[in-house]
Amino acid sequence: MATIQTSQLTLHSIAPRFVVGDMEQALAFYRQLGFTTTYQDGGFAIVERDGISLHLNASEEPPKGHSVCWIGVTNIEALYQQYVPTNAVQSPLKARPWGMKEFFL
């Protein structure tokens, strides 16, 4: 059996994929949150901000369940204040018992 050299392996990124019903509406939503569309081809797009990538897939079928993606930031209070005027914020900024602060879009 071969030995895997984990000391040479580093995970460096993650790109969650979200199913969207209307690609143009989704791109406009992420644009107001400061993301830039870096790729778009038919029913697939990539939006990026500060090294974070989100993949979007258009589908006429509604997604099953719901998706959640947690993104760590250096100044959550400033980001929250930046997003409040966009009407994208769905919950107040709240300190959690496990030592994190979070809000939902």
Protein backbone atom coordinates (compact mmCIF):
# COMPACT_ATOMS: atom_id res chain seq x y z
CA MET A 1 0.00 0.00 0.00
CA ALA A 2 1.35 3.43 -0.97
CA THR A 3 1.99 6.02 1.72
CA ILE A 4 0.39 9.42 1.13
CA GLN A 5 2.68 12.41 1.78
CA THR A 6 0.25 14.77 3.55
CA SER A 7 3.00 17.26 4.43
CA GLN A 8 3.05 18.30 0.75
CA LEU A 9 -0.71 18.64 0.49
CA THR A 10 -2.53 21.88 1.26
CA LEU A 11 -6.18 22.68 0.73
CA HIS A 12 -6.29 26.22 -0.63
CA SER A 13 -9.84 27.06 -1.66
CA ILE A 14 -13.49 26.10 -1.61
CA ALA A 15 -16.22 27.17 -4.02
CA PRO A 16 -19.77 26.39 -2.93
CA ARG A 17 -22.27 25.97 -5.74
CA PHE A 18 -25.74 27.49 -5.44
CA VAL A 19 -28.73 26.71 -7.64
CA VAL A 20 -30.49 29.90 -8.77
CA GLY A 21 -33.79 30.35 -10.56
CA ASP A 22 -32.82 33.57 -12.34
CA MET A 23 -29.15 34.00 -13.21
CA GLU A 24 -29.34 37.73 -13.99
CA GLN A 25 -31.15 38.42 -10.71
CA ALA A 26 -28.58 36.34 -8.79
CA LEU A 27 -25.66 38.16 -10.45
CA ALA A 28 -27.24 41.52 -9.60
CA PHE A 29 -27.67 40.38 -5.97
CA TYR A 30 -24.02 39.36 -5.62
CA ARG A 31 -22.87 42.50 -7.44
CA GLN A 32 -24.58 44.66 -4.78
CA LEU A 33 -22.66 42.64 -2.17
CA GLY A 34 -19.36 43.60 -3.79
CA PHE A 35 -18.77 40.45 -5.85
CA THR A 36 -17.51 40.58 -9.43
CA THR A 37 -18.66 38.17 -12.13
CA THR A 38 -15.46 36.48 -13.32
CA TYR A 39 -17.08 33.87 -15.55
CA GLN A 40 -20.47 33.42 -17.15
CA ASP A 41 -21.54 30.92 -19.77
CA GLY A 42 -25.18 30.06 -20.21
CA GLY A 43 -26.52 28.64 -16.98
CA PHE A 44 -23.25 28.78 -15.03
CA ALA A 45 -21.41 31.71 -13.46
CA ILE A 46 -18.63 32.40 -10.97
CA VAL A 47 -18.64 35.46 -8.72
CA GLU A 48 -15.64 36.48 -6.61
CA ARG A 49 -14.75 38.90 -3.86
CA ASP A 50 -11.51 39.07 -1.85
CA GLY A 51 -10.41 35.59 -2.93
CA ILE A 52 -13.82 34.00 -2.22
CA SER A 53 -15.52 32.24 -5.16
CA LEU A 54 -19.16 31.24 -5.40
CA HIS A 55 -20.44 29.12 -8.28
CA LEU A 56 -23.98 29.68 -9.53
CA ASN A 57 -26.02 27.21 -11.58
CA ALA A 58 -29.30 28.27 -13.17
CA SER A 59 -32.14 25.78 -12.98
CA GLU A 60 -35.82 25.98 -13.76
CA GLU A 61 -36.38 23.41 -11.02
CA PRO A 62 -36.46 24.89 -7.51
CA PRO A 63 -33.58 23.66 -5.35
CA LYS A 64 -34.36 20.94 -2.83
CA GLY A 65 -33.82 22.14 0.73
CA HIS A 66 -31.69 25.20 1.28
CA SER A 67 -28.02 26.10 1.11
CA VAL A 68 -25.87 27.73 3.74
CA CYS A 69 -22.34 29.01 3.24
CA TRP A 70 -20.31 30.50 6.08
CA ILE A 71 -17.62 33.02 5.10
CA GLY A 72 -15.11 34.28 7.67
CA VAL A 73 -14.21 37.97 7.55
CA THR A 74 -11.78 40.24 9.39
CA ASN A 75 -14.31 42.91 10.41
CA ILE A 76 -17.84 41.54 10.50
CA GLU A 77 -19.28 44.74 12.00
CA ALA A 78 -18.09 46.78 8.99
CA LEU A 79 -19.37 44.19 6.52
CA TYR A 80 -22.74 44.10 8.27
CA GLN A 81 -23.01 47.91 8.05
CA GLN A 82 -22.01 47.75 4.38
CA TYR A 83 -24.74 45.18 3.61
CA VAL A 84 -27.65 46.67 5.64
CA PRO A 85 -28.53 49.31 2.98
CA THR A 86 -28.74 46.59 0.29
CA ASN A 87 -31.76 44.99 2.02
CA ALA A 88 -29.99 41.64 1.66
CA VAL A 89 -29.54 41.17 5.42
CA GLN A 90 -32.07 38.67 6.79
CA SER A 91 -31.00 38.61 10.45
CA PRO A 92 -29.27 40.98 12.85
CA LEU A 93 -25.59 40.66 13.68
CA LYS A 94 -25.48 38.40 16.72
CA ALA A 95 -22.78 37.00 19.01
CA ARG A 96 -23.04 33.21 19.28
CA PRO A 97 -22.21 31.05 22.32
CA TRP A 98 -19.40 29.32 20.40
CA GLY A 99 -17.50 32.61 20.15
CA MET A 100 -18.48 33.79 16.68
CA LYS A 101 -20.56 36.69 15.42
CA GLU A 102 -22.80 36.14 12.41
CA PHE A 103 -25.69 37.38 10.32
CA PHE A 104 -27.58 35.85 7.43
CA LEU A 105 -28.27 37.11 3.92
